[in-house]
PDB file of all heavy atoms in Angstrom:
ATOM      1  N   GLU A   1     -19.771  -1.405  -2.309  1.00  0.00           N
ATOM      2  CA  GLU A   1     -18.891  -1.444  -3.460  1.00  0.00           C
ATOM      3  C   GLU A   1     -17.424  -1.690  -2.987  1.00  0.00           C
ATOM      4  O   GLU A   1     -17.096  -1.381  -1.851  1.00  0.00           O
ATOM      5  CB  GLU A   1     -18.979  -0.148  -4.216  1.00  0.00           C
ATOM      6  CG  GLU A   1     -20.302   0.048  -4.940  1.00  0.00           C
ATOM      7  CD  GLU A   1     -20.237   1.149  -5.976  1.00  0.00           C
ATOM      8  OE1 GLU A   1     -19.195   1.735  -6.173  1.00  0.00           O
ATOM      9  OE2 GLU A   1     -21.296   1.410  -6.579  1.00  0.00           O
ATOM     10  N   ARG A   2     -16.663  -2.179  -3.941  1.00  0.00           N
ATOM     11  CA  ARG A   2     -15.238  -2.315  -3.633  1.00  0.00           C
ATOM     12  C   ARG A   2     -14.610  -0.936  -3.487  1.00  0.00           C
ATOM     13  O   ARG A   2     -14.763  -0.095  -4.369  1.00  0.00           O
ATOM     14  CB  ARG A   2     -14.574  -3.086  -4.786  1.00  0.00           C
ATOM     15  CG  ARG A   2     -13.181  -3.605  -4.459  1.00  0.00           C
ATOM     16  CD  ARG A   2     -12.689  -4.594  -5.527  1.00  0.00           C
ATOM     17  NE  ARG A   2     -13.523  -5.755  -5.578  1.00  0.00           N
ATOM     18  CZ  ARG A   2     -13.220  -6.852  -6.336  1.00  0.00           C
ATOM     19  NH1 ARG A   2     -12.033  -6.851  -6.993  1.00  0.00           N
ATOM     20  NH2 ARG A   2     -14.022  -7.820  -6.370  1.00  0.00           N
ATOM     21  N   GLU A   3     -13.840  -0.775  -2.387  1.00  0.00           N
ATOM     22  CA  GLU A   3     -13.309   0.538  -2.164  1.00  0.00           C
ATOM     23  C   GLU A   3     -11.743   0.497  -2.025  1.00  0.00           C
ATOM     24  O   GLU A   3     -11.218  -0.502  -1.613  1.00  0.00           O
ATOM     25  CB  GLU A   3     -13.872   1.159  -0.881  1.00  0.00           C
ATOM     26  CG  GLU A   3     -13.575   0.436   0.447  1.00  0.00           C
ATOM     27  CD  GLU A   3     -14.101   1.124   1.620  1.00  0.00           C
ATOM     28  OE1 GLU A   3     -14.775   2.129   1.504  1.00  0.00           O
ATOM     29  OE2 GLU A   3     -13.786   0.681   2.752  1.00  0.00           O
ATOM     30  N   PHE A   4     -11.165   1.641  -2.331  1.00  0.00           N
ATOM     31  CA  PHE A   4      -9.711   1.763  -2.253  1.00  0.00           C
ATOM     32  C   PHE A   4      -9.231   1.779  -0.839  1.00  0.00           C
ATOM     33  O   PHE A   4      -9.860   2.358   0.041  1.00  0.00           O
ATOM     34  CB  PHE A   4      -9.265   3.102  -2.914  1.00  0.00           C
ATOM     35  CG  PHE A   4      -7.902   3.502  -2.696  1.00  0.00           C
ATOM     36  CD1 PHE A   4      -6.865   2.830  -3.385  1.00  0.00           C
ATOM     37  CD2 PHE A   4      -7.540   4.473  -1.780  1.00  0.00           C
ATOM     38  CE1 PHE A   4      -5.561   3.190  -3.154  1.00  0.00           C
ATOM     39  CE2 PHE A   4      -6.210   4.837  -1.595  1.00  0.00           C
ATOM     40  CZ  PHE A   4      -5.254   4.204  -2.282  1.00  0.00           C
ATOM     41  N   VAL A   5      -8.186   1.064  -0.526  1.00  0.00           N
ATOM     42  CA  VAL A   5      -7.535   1.054   0.734  1.00  0.00           C
ATOM     43  C   VAL A   5      -6.152   1.697   0.760  1.00  0.00           C
ATOM     44  O   VAL A   5      -5.865   2.615   1.513  1.00  0.00           O
ATOM     45  CB  VAL A   5      -7.440  -0.385   1.320  1.00  0.00           C
ATOM     46  CG1 VAL A   5      -6.644  -0.430   2.625  1.00  0.00           C
ATOM     47  CG2 VAL A   5      -8.758  -1.034   1.450  1.00  0.00           C
ATOM     48  N   SER A   6      -5.286   1.174  -0.148  1.00  0.00           N
ATOM     49  CA  SER A   6      -3.924   1.703  -0.148  1.00  0.00           C
ATOM     50  C   SER A   6      -3.260   1.351  -1.479  1.00  0.00           C
ATOM     51  O   SER A   6      -3.713   0.490  -2.190  1.00  0.00           O
ATOM     52  CB  SER A   6      -3.129   1.099   1.021  1.00  0.00           C
ATOM     53  OG  SER A   6      -1.812   1.646   1.042  1.00  0.00           O
ATOM     54  N   ALA A   7      -2.265   2.101  -1.851  1.00  0.00           N
ATOM     55  CA  ALA A   7      -1.505   1.840  -3.115  1.00  0.00           C
ATOM     56  C   ALA A   7      -0.017   2.193  -2.930  1.00  0.00           C
ATOM     57  O   ALA A   7       0.299   2.973  -2.049  1.00  0.00           O
ATOM     58  CB  ALA A   7      -2.088   2.628  -4.248  1.00  0.00           C
ATOM     59  N   ILE A   8       0.790   1.568  -3.752  1.00  0.00           N
ATOM     60  CA  ILE A   8       2.209   1.776  -3.679  1.00  0.00           C
ATOM     61  C   ILE A   8       2.775   1.802  -5.110  1.00  0.00           C
ATOM     62  O   ILE A   8       2.367   0.985  -5.954  1.00  0.00           O
ATOM     63  CB  ILE A   8       2.887   0.744  -2.815  1.00  0.00           C
ATOM     64  CG1 ILE A   8       4.370   1.035  -2.528  1.00  0.00           C
ATOM     65  CG2 ILE A   8       2.742  -0.708  -3.383  1.00  0.00           C
ATOM     66  CD1 ILE A   8       5.013   0.230  -1.386  1.00  0.00           C
ATOM     67  N   SER A   9       3.722   2.701  -5.364  1.00  0.00           N
ATOM     68  CA  SER A   9       4.314   2.779  -6.648  1.00  0.00           C
ATOM     69  C   SER A   9       5.267   1.569  -6.873  1.00  0.00           C
ATOM     70  O   SER A   9       5.628   0.880  -5.932  1.00  0.00           O
ATOM     71  CB  SER A   9       5.157   4.065  -6.782  1.00  0.00           C
ATOM     72  OG  SER A   9       6.139   4.075  -5.831  1.00  0.00           O
ATOM     73  N   TRP A  10       5.666   1.364  -8.164  1.00  0.00           N
ATOM     74  CA  TRP A  10       6.496   0.172  -8.349  1.00  0.00           C
ATOM     75  C   TRP A  10       7.853   0.305  -7.697  1.00  0.00           C
ATOM     76  O   TRP A  10       8.518  -0.697  -7.371  1.00  0.00           O
ATOM     77  CB  TRP A  10       6.565  -0.269  -9.778  1.00  0.00           C
ATOM     78  CG  TRP A  10       7.068   0.577 -10.881  1.00  0.00           C
ATOM     79  CD1 TRP A  10       6.338   1.145 -11.850  1.00  0.00           C
ATOM     80  CD2 TRP A  10       8.434   0.917 -11.208  1.00  0.00           C
ATOM     81  NE1 TRP A  10       7.119   1.840 -12.753  1.00  0.00           N
ATOM     82  CE2 TRP A  10       8.426   1.693 -12.350  1.00  0.00           C
ATOM     83  CE3 TRP A  10       9.641   0.595 -10.597  1.00  0.00           C
ATOM     84  CZ2 TRP A  10       9.634   2.196 -12.940  1.00  0.00           C
ATOM     85  CZ3 TRP A  10      10.835   1.114 -11.110  1.00  0.00           C
ATOM     86  CH2 TRP A  10      10.784   1.896 -12.314  1.00  0.00           C
ATOM     87  N   SER A  11       8.319   1.548  -7.532  1.00  0.00           N
ATOM     88  CA  SER A  11       9.566   1.731  -6.822  1.00  0.00           C
ATOM     89  C   SER A  11       9.492   1.561  -5.289  1.00  0.00           C
ATOM     90  O   SER A  11      10.467   1.397  -4.596  1.00  0.00           O
ATOM     91  CB  SER A  11      10.092   3.157  -7.038  1.00  0.00           C
ATOM     92  OG  SER A  11       9.161   4.095  -6.508  1.00  0.00           O
ATOM     93  N   GLY A  12       8.258   1.632  -4.802  1.00  0.00           N
ATOM     94  CA  GLY A  12       7.979   1.581  -3.322  1.00  0.00           C
ATOM     95  C   GLY A  12       8.217   2.969  -2.680  1.00  0.00           C
ATOM     96  O   GLY A  12       7.979   3.050  -1.437  1.00  0.00           O
ATOM     97  N   LEU A  13       8.595   3.948  -3.427  1.00  0.00           N
ATOM     98  CA  LEU A  13       8.860   5.276  -2.783  1.00  0.00           C
ATOM     99  C   LEU A  13       7.622   6.069  -2.511  1.00  0.00           C
ATOM    100  O   LEU A  13       7.642   6.930  -1.604  1.00  0.00           O
ATOM    101  CB  LEU A  13       9.760   6.028  -3.769  1.00  0.00           C
ATOM    102  CG  LEU A  13      11.152   5.470  -3.953  1.00  0.00           C
ATOM    103  CD1 LEU A  13      11.898   6.334  -5.014  1.00  0.00           C
ATOM    104  CD2 LEU A  13      11.925   5.371  -2.691  1.00  0.00           C
ATOM    105  N   ILE A  14       6.546   5.832  -3.231  1.00  0.00           N
ATOM    106  CA  ILE A  14       5.355   6.578  -3.060  1.00  0.00           C
ATOM    107  C   ILE A  14       4.226   5.622  -2.559  1.00  0.00           C
ATOM    108  O   ILE A  14       3.978   4.542  -3.173  1.00  0.00           O
ATOM    109  CB  ILE A  14       4.893   7.235  -4.373  1.00  0.00           C
ATOM    110  CG1 ILE A  14       6.067   8.016  -4.993  1.00  0.00           C
ATOM    111  CG2 ILE A  14       3.695   8.131  -4.145  1.00  0.00           C
ATOM    112  CD1 ILE A  14       6.555   9.173  -4.144  1.00  0.00           C
ATOM    113  N   THR A  15       3.503   6.083  -1.545  1.00  0.00           N
ATOM    114  CA  THR A  15       2.375   5.333  -1.037  1.00  0.00           C
ATOM    115  C   THR A  15       1.149   6.260  -0.905  1.00  0.00           C
ATOM    116  O   THR A  15       1.325   7.517  -0.821  1.00  0.00           O
ATOM    117  CB  THR A  15       2.661   4.654   0.341  1.00  0.00           C
ATOM    118  OG1 THR A  15       3.053   5.668   1.266  1.00  0.00           O
ATOM    119  CG2 THR A  15       3.814   3.638   0.184  1.00  0.00           C
ATOM    120  N   ASN A  16      -0.042   5.712  -0.784  1.00  0.00           N
ATOM    121  CA  ASN A  16      -1.301   6.408  -0.682  1.00  0.00           C
ATOM    122  C   ASN A  16      -2.250   5.628   0.071  1.00  0.00           C
ATOM    123  O   ASN A  16      -2.271   4.408  -0.013  1.00  0.00           O
ATOM    124  CB  ASN A  16      -1.795   6.814  -2.079  1.00  0.00           C
ATOM    125  CG  ASN A  16      -2.842   7.872  -1.998  1.00  0.00           C
ATOM    126  OD1 ASN A  16      -4.020   7.587  -1.921  1.00  0.00           O
ATOM    127  ND2 ASN A  16      -2.419   9.164  -2.063  1.00  0.00           N
ATOM    128  N   TYR A  17      -3.054   6.294   0.936  1.00  0.00           N
ATOM    129  CA  TYR A  17      -3.998   5.583   1.808  1.00  0.00           C
ATOM    130  C   TYR A  17      -5.351   6.242   1.766  1.00  0.00           C
ATOM    131  O   TYR A  17      -5.503   7.459   1.644  1.00  0.00           O
ATOM    132  CB  TYR A  17      -3.499   5.575   3.219  1.00  0.00           C
ATOM    133  CG  TYR A  17      -2.191   4.850   3.402  1.00  0.00           C
ATOM    134  CD1 TYR A  17      -1.017   5.553   3.316  1.00  0.00           C
ATOM    135  CD2 TYR A  17      -2.209   3.491   3.677  1.00  0.00           C
ATOM    136  CE1 TYR A  17       0.224   4.902   3.506  1.00  0.00           C
ATOM    137  CE2 TYR A  17      -0.995   2.832   3.859  1.00  0.00           C
ATOM    138  CZ  TYR A  17       0.230   3.525   3.767  1.00  0.00           C
ATOM    139  OH  TYR A  17       1.374   2.874   3.920  1.00  0.00           O
ATOM    140  N   ALA A  18      -6.434   5.441   1.945  1.00  0.00           N
ATOM    141  CA  ALA A  18      -7.738   5.952   2.217  1.00  0.00           C
ATOM    142  C   ALA A  18      -7.709   6.645   3.578  1.00  0.00           C
ATOM    143  O   ALA A  18      -6.968   6.174   4.516  1.00  0.00           O
ATOM    144  CB  ALA A  18      -8.763   4.853   2.141  1.00  0.00           C
ATOM    145  N   ASP A  19      -8.508   7.691   3.711  1.00  0.00           N
ATOM    146  CA  ASP A  19      -8.546   8.402   4.993  1.00  0.00           C
ATOM    147  C   ASP A  19      -8.970   7.422   6.125  1.00  0.00           C
ATOM    148  O   ASP A  19      -8.505   7.634   7.250  1.00  0.00           O
ATOM    149  CB  ASP A  19      -9.536   9.585   4.952  1.00  0.00           C
ATOM    150  CG  ASP A  19      -9.052  10.663   4.082  1.00  0.00           C
ATOM    151  OD1 ASP A  19      -7.815  10.736   3.796  1.00  0.00           O
ATOM    152  OD2 ASP A  19      -9.853  11.544   3.755  1.00  0.00           O
ATOM    153  N   SER A  20      -9.818   6.491   5.844  1.00  0.00           N
ATOM    154  CA  SER A  20     -10.334   5.569   6.865  1.00  0.00           C
ATOM    155  C   SER A  20      -9.280   4.688   7.482  1.00  0.00           C
ATOM    156  O   SER A  20      -9.454   4.112   8.580  1.00  0.00           O
ATOM    157  CB  SER A  20     -11.458   4.708   6.301  1.00  0.00           C
ATOM    158  OG  SER A  20     -10.983   3.968   5.223  1.00  0.00           O
ATOM    159  N   VAL A  21      -8.086   4.509   6.797  1.00  0.00           N
ATOM    160  CA  VAL A  21      -7.082   3.600   7.299  1.00  0.00           C
ATOM    161  C   VAL A  21      -5.778   4.297   7.558  1.00  0.00           C
ATOM    162  O   VAL A  21      -4.816   3.704   8.131  1.00  0.00           O
ATOM    163  CB  VAL A  21      -6.833   2.431   6.291  1.00  0.00           C
ATOM    164  CG1 VAL A  21      -8.139   1.722   5.962  1.00  0.00           C
ATOM    165  CG2 VAL A  21      -6.158   2.882   5.062  1.00  0.00           C
ATOM    166  N   LYS A  22      -5.698   5.575   7.255  1.00  0.00           N
ATOM    167  CA  LYS A  22      -4.464   6.330   7.395  1.00  0.00           C
ATOM    168  C   LYS A  22      -4.026   6.291   8.814  1.00  0.00           C
ATOM    169  O   LYS A  22      -4.816   6.567   9.777  1.00  0.00           O
ATOM    170  CB  LYS A  22      -4.632   7.719   6.895  1.00  0.00           C
ATOM    171  CG  LYS A  22      -3.363   8.453   6.503  1.00  0.00           C
ATOM    172  CD  LYS A  22      -3.697   9.763   5.861  1.00  0.00           C
ATOM    173  CE  LYS A  22      -4.346   9.611   4.522  1.00  0.00           C
ATOM    174  NZ  LYS A  22      -4.685  10.880   3.826  1.00  0.00           N
ATOM    175  N   GLY A  23      -2.765   6.018   9.074  1.00  0.00           N
ATOM    176  CA  GLY A  23      -2.263   5.944  10.498  1.00  0.00           C
ATOM    177  C   GLY A  23      -2.395   4.547  11.093  1.00  0.00           C
ATOM    178  O   GLY A  23      -1.781   4.297  12.117  1.00  0.00           O
ATOM    179  N   ARG A  24      -3.206   3.642  10.471  1.00  0.00           N
ATOM    180  CA  ARG A  24      -3.390   2.371  11.062  1.00  0.00           C
ATOM    181  C   ARG A  24      -2.807   1.245  10.163  1.00  0.00           C
ATOM    182  O   ARG A  24      -2.369   0.209  10.665  1.00  0.00           O
ATOM    183  CB  ARG A  24      -4.875   2.044  11.256  1.00  0.00           C
ATOM    184  CG  ARG A  24      -5.524   3.014  12.236  1.00  0.00           C
ATOM    185  CD  ARG A  24      -6.965   2.574  12.542  1.00  0.00           C
ATOM    186  NE  ARG A  24      -7.827   2.574  11.395  1.00  0.00           N
ATOM    187  CZ  ARG A  24      -8.506   1.484  10.954  1.00  0.00           C
ATOM    188  NH1 ARG A  24      -8.405   0.344  11.567  1.00  0.00           N
ATOM    189  NH2 ARG A  24      -9.231   1.578   9.842  1.00  0.00           N
ATOM    190  N   PHE A  25      -2.872   1.491   8.816  1.00  0.00           N
ATOM    191  CA  PHE A  25      -2.414   0.496   7.841  1.00  0.00           C
ATOM    192  C   PHE A  25      -1.123   0.978   7.215  1.00  0.00           C
ATOM    193  O   PHE A  25      -0.940   2.175   7.032  1.00  0.00           O
ATOM    194  CB  PHE A  25      -3.472   0.331   6.790  1.00  0.00           C
ATOM    195  CG  PHE A  25      -4.719  -0.388   7.140  1.00  0.00           C
ATOM    196  CD1 PHE A  25      -5.017  -0.630   8.490  1.00  0.00           C
ATOM    197  CD2 PHE A  25      -5.645  -0.872   6.233  1.00  0.00           C
ATOM    198  CE1 PHE A  25      -6.184  -1.226   8.899  1.00  0.00           C
ATOM    199  CE2 PHE A  25      -6.846  -1.478   6.567  1.00  0.00           C
ATOM    200  CZ  PHE A  25      -7.092  -1.680   7.951  1.00  0.00           C
ATOM    201  N   THR A  26      -0.285   0.023   6.843  1.00  0.00           N
ATOM    202  CA  THR A  26       0.943   0.368   6.124  1.00  0.00           C
ATOM    203  C   THR A  26       1.113  -0.622   4.964  1.00  0.00           C
ATOM    204  O   THR A  26       1.115  -1.814   5.120  1.00  0.00           O
ATOM    205  CB  THR A  26       2.145   0.244   7.042  1.00  0.00           C
ATOM    206  OG1 THR A  26       2.002   1.105   8.179  1.00  0.00           O
ATOM    207  CG2 THR A  26       3.443   0.638   6.343  1.00  0.00           C
ATOM    208  N   ILE A  27       1.352  -0.026   3.791  1.00  0.00           N
ATOM    209  CA  ILE A  27       1.600  -0.858   2.609  1.00  0.00           C
ATOM    210  C   ILE A  27       3.123  -0.876   2.382  1.00  0.00           C
ATOM    211  O   ILE A  27       3.789   0.152   2.627  1.00  0.00           O
ATOM    212  CB  ILE A  27       0.835  -0.313   1.372  1.00  0.00           C
ATOM    213  CG1 ILE A  27       0.875  -1.278   0.222  1.00  0.00           C
ATOM    214  CG2 ILE A  27       1.334   1.072   0.988  1.00  0.00           C
ATOM    215  CD1 ILE A  27      -0.023  -0.957  -0.973  1.00  0.00           C
ATOM    216  N   SER A  28       3.607  -1.976   1.918  1.00  0.00           N
ATOM    217  CA  SER A  28       5.040  -2.117   1.573  1.00  0.00           C
ATOM    218  C   SER A  28       5.181  -3.191   0.494  1.00  0.00           C
ATOM    219  O   SER A  28       4.218  -3.940   0.225  1.00  0.00           O
ATOM    220  CB  SER A  28       5.861  -2.460   2.803  1.00  0.00           C
ATOM    221  OG  SER A  28       5.455  -3.703   3.347  1.00  0.00           O
ATOM    222  N   ARG A  29       6.347  -3.266  -0.097  1.00  0.00           N
ATOM    223  CA  ARG A  29       6.578  -4.274  -1.074  1.00  0.00           C
ATOM    224  C   ARG A  29       8.044  -4.756  -1.004  1.00  0.00           C
ATOM    225  O   ARG A  29       8.904  -4.034  -0.572  1.00  0.00           O
ATOM    226  CB  ARG A  29       6.285  -3.749  -2.500  1.00  0.00           C
ATOM    227  CG  ARG A  29       7.162  -2.660  -2.918  1.00  0.00           C
ATOM    228  CD  ARG A  29       6.633  -2.002  -4.219  1.00  0.00           C
ATOM    229  NE  ARG A  29       6.670  -2.974  -5.347  1.00  0.00           N
ATOM    230  CZ  ARG A  29       5.870  -2.872  -6.453  1.00  0.00           C
ATOM    231  NH1 ARG A  29       4.967  -1.870  -6.488  1.00  0.00           N
ATOM    232  NH2 ARG A  29       5.950  -3.825  -7.373  1.00  0.00           N
ATOM    233  N   ASP A  30       8.223  -6.030  -1.408  1.00  0.00           N
ATOM    234  CA  ASP A  30       9.510  -6.615  -1.504  1.00  0.00           C
ATOM    235  C   ASP A  30       9.744  -7.038  -2.965  1.00  0.00           C
ATOM    236  O   ASP A  30       9.169  -8.135  -3.331  1.00  0.00           O
ATOM    237  CB  ASP A  30       9.708  -7.725  -0.510  1.00  0.00           C
ATOM    238  CG  ASP A  30      11.056  -8.299  -0.483  1.00  0.00           C
ATOM    239  OD1 ASP A  30      11.847  -8.155  -1.437  1.00  0.00           O
ATOM    240  OD2 ASP A  30      11.399  -8.917   0.562  1.00  0.00           O
ATOM    241  N   ASN A  31      10.346  -6.255  -3.736  1.00  0.00           N
ATOM    242  CA  ASN A  31      10.483  -6.668  -5.168  1.00  0.00           C
ATOM    243  C   ASN A  31      11.298  -7.913  -5.405  1.00  0.00           C
ATOM    244  O   ASN A  31      11.149  -8.549  -6.390  1.00  0.00           O
ATOM    245  CB  ASN A  31      11.039  -5.452  -5.959  1.00  0.00           C
ATOM    246  CG  ASN A  31      10.072  -4.378  -6.166  1.00  0.00           C
ATOM    247  OD1 ASN A  31       8.844  -4.504  -5.833  1.00  0.00           O
ATOM    248  ND2 ASN A  31      10.490  -3.242  -6.632  1.00  0.00           N
ATOM    249  N   ALA A  32      12.118  -8.242  -4.449  1.00  0.00           N
ATOM    250  CA  ALA A  32      12.951  -9.503  -4.557  1.00  0.00           C
ATOM    251  C   ALA A  32      12.061 -10.708  -4.363  1.00  0.00           C
ATOM    252  O   ALA A  32      12.360 -11.806  -4.830  1.00  0.00           O
ATOM    253  CB  ALA A  32      14.103  -9.488  -3.555  1.00  0.00           C
ATOM    254  N   LYS A  33      10.965 -10.587  -3.645  1.00  0.00           N
ATOM    255  CA  LYS A  33      10.061 -11.675  -3.328  1.00  0.00           C
ATOM    256  C   LYS A  33       8.741 -11.565  -4.117  1.00  0.00           C
ATOM    257  O   LYS A  33       7.849 -12.396  -3.911  1.00  0.00           O
ATOM    258  CB  LYS A  33       9.700 -11.689  -1.802  1.00  0.00           C
ATOM    259  CG  LYS A  33      10.945 -11.982  -0.942  1.00  0.00           C
ATOM    260  CD  LYS A  33      10.514 -12.120   0.521  1.00  0.00           C
ATOM    261  CE  LYS A  33      11.755 -12.473   1.386  1.00  0.00           C
ATOM    262  NZ  LYS A  33      11.368 -12.566   2.844  1.00  0.00           N
ATOM    263  N   ASN A  34       8.632 -10.599  -4.998  1.00  0.00           N
ATOM    264  CA  ASN A  34       7.403 -10.368  -5.811  1.00  0.00           C
ATOM    265  C   ASN A  34       6.176 -10.319  -4.969  1.00  0.00           C
ATOM    266  O   ASN A  34       5.128 -10.923  -5.283  1.00  0.00           O
ATOM    267  CB  ASN A  34       7.273 -11.535  -6.841  1.00  0.00           C
ATOM    268  CG  ASN A  34       8.325 -11.439  -7.933  1.00  0.00           C
ATOM    269  OD1 ASN A  34       9.157 -10.545  -7.911  1.00  0.00           O
ATOM    270  ND2 ASN A  34       8.220 -12.361  -8.919  1.00  0.00           N
ATOM    271  N   THR A  35       6.288  -9.680  -3.828  1.00  0.00           N
ATOM    272  CA  THR A  35       5.192  -9.628  -2.838  1.00  0.00           C
ATOM    273  C   THR A  35       4.915  -8.212  -2.371  1.00  0.00           C
ATOM    274  O   THR A  35       5.866  -7.418  -2.126  1.00  0.00           O
ATOM    275  CB  THR A  35       5.522 -10.543  -1.657  1.00  0.00           C
ATOM    276  OG1 THR A  35       5.753 -11.879  -2.149  1.00  0.00           O
ATOM    277  CG2 THR A  35       4.380 -10.606  -0.707  1.00  0.00           C
ATOM    278  N   VAL A  36       3.670  -7.925  -2.191  1.00  0.00           N
ATOM    279  CA  VAL A  36       3.226  -6.623  -1.590  1.00  0.00           C
ATOM    280  C   VAL A  36       2.493  -7.040  -0.276  1.00  0.00           C
ATOM    281  O   VAL A  36       1.797  -8.039  -0.176  1.00  0.00           O
ATOM    282  CB  VAL A  36       2.356  -5.859  -2.527  1.00  0.00           C
ATOM    283  CG1 VAL A  36       1.055  -6.543  -2.877  1.00  0.00           C
ATOM    284  CG2 VAL A  36       2.090  -4.432  -1.924  1.00  0.00           C
ATOM    285  N   TYR A  37       2.626  -6.193   0.721  1.00  0.00           N
ATOM    286  CA  TYR A  37       2.083  -6.443   2.039  1.00  0.00           C
ATOM    287  C   TYR A  37       1.143  -5.324   2.444  1.00  0.00           C
ATOM    288  O   TYR A  37       1.289  -4.210   2.012  1.00  0.00           O
ATOM    289  CB  TYR A  37       3.187  -6.560   3.098  1.00  0.00           C
ATOM    290  CG  TYR A  37       4.229  -7.569   2.727  1.00  0.00           C
ATOM    291  CD1 TYR A  37       5.410  -7.222   2.124  1.00  0.00           C
ATOM    292  CD2 TYR A  37       4.015  -8.938   3.036  1.00  0.00           C
ATOM    293  CE1 TYR A  37       6.435  -8.213   1.798  1.00  0.00           C
ATOM    294  CE2 TYR A  37       5.026  -9.879   2.767  1.00  0.00           C
ATOM    295  CZ  TYR A  37       6.197  -9.448   2.152  1.00  0.00           C
ATOM    296  OH  TYR A  37       7.115 -10.395   1.834  1.00  0.00           O
ATOM    297  N   LEU A  38       0.211  -5.656   3.379  1.00  0.00           N
ATOM    298  CA  LEU A  38      -0.581  -4.617   3.972  1.00  0.00           C
ATOM    299  C   LEU A  38      -0.634  -4.989   5.481  1.00  0.00           C
ATOM    300  O   LEU A  38      -1.228  -5.955   5.902  1.00  0.00           O
ATOM    301  CB  LEU A  38      -2.011  -4.626   3.412  1.00  0.00           C
ATOM    302  CG  LEU A  38      -2.840  -3.452   3.960  1.00  0.00           C
ATOM    303  CD1 LEU A  38      -2.412  -2.106   3.492  1.00  0.00           C
ATOM    304  CD2 LEU A  38      -4.357  -3.706   3.585  1.00  0.00           C
TER     305      LEU A  38
END
């Protein structure tokens, strides 16, 4: 099944990760570029 990896609030201030990727993956966003990164 499709599983959660990471999420970020629209402000970028709050992030959340699945335990399986915590410490290895980083989510971020650039609102000026309309882009989110992993």
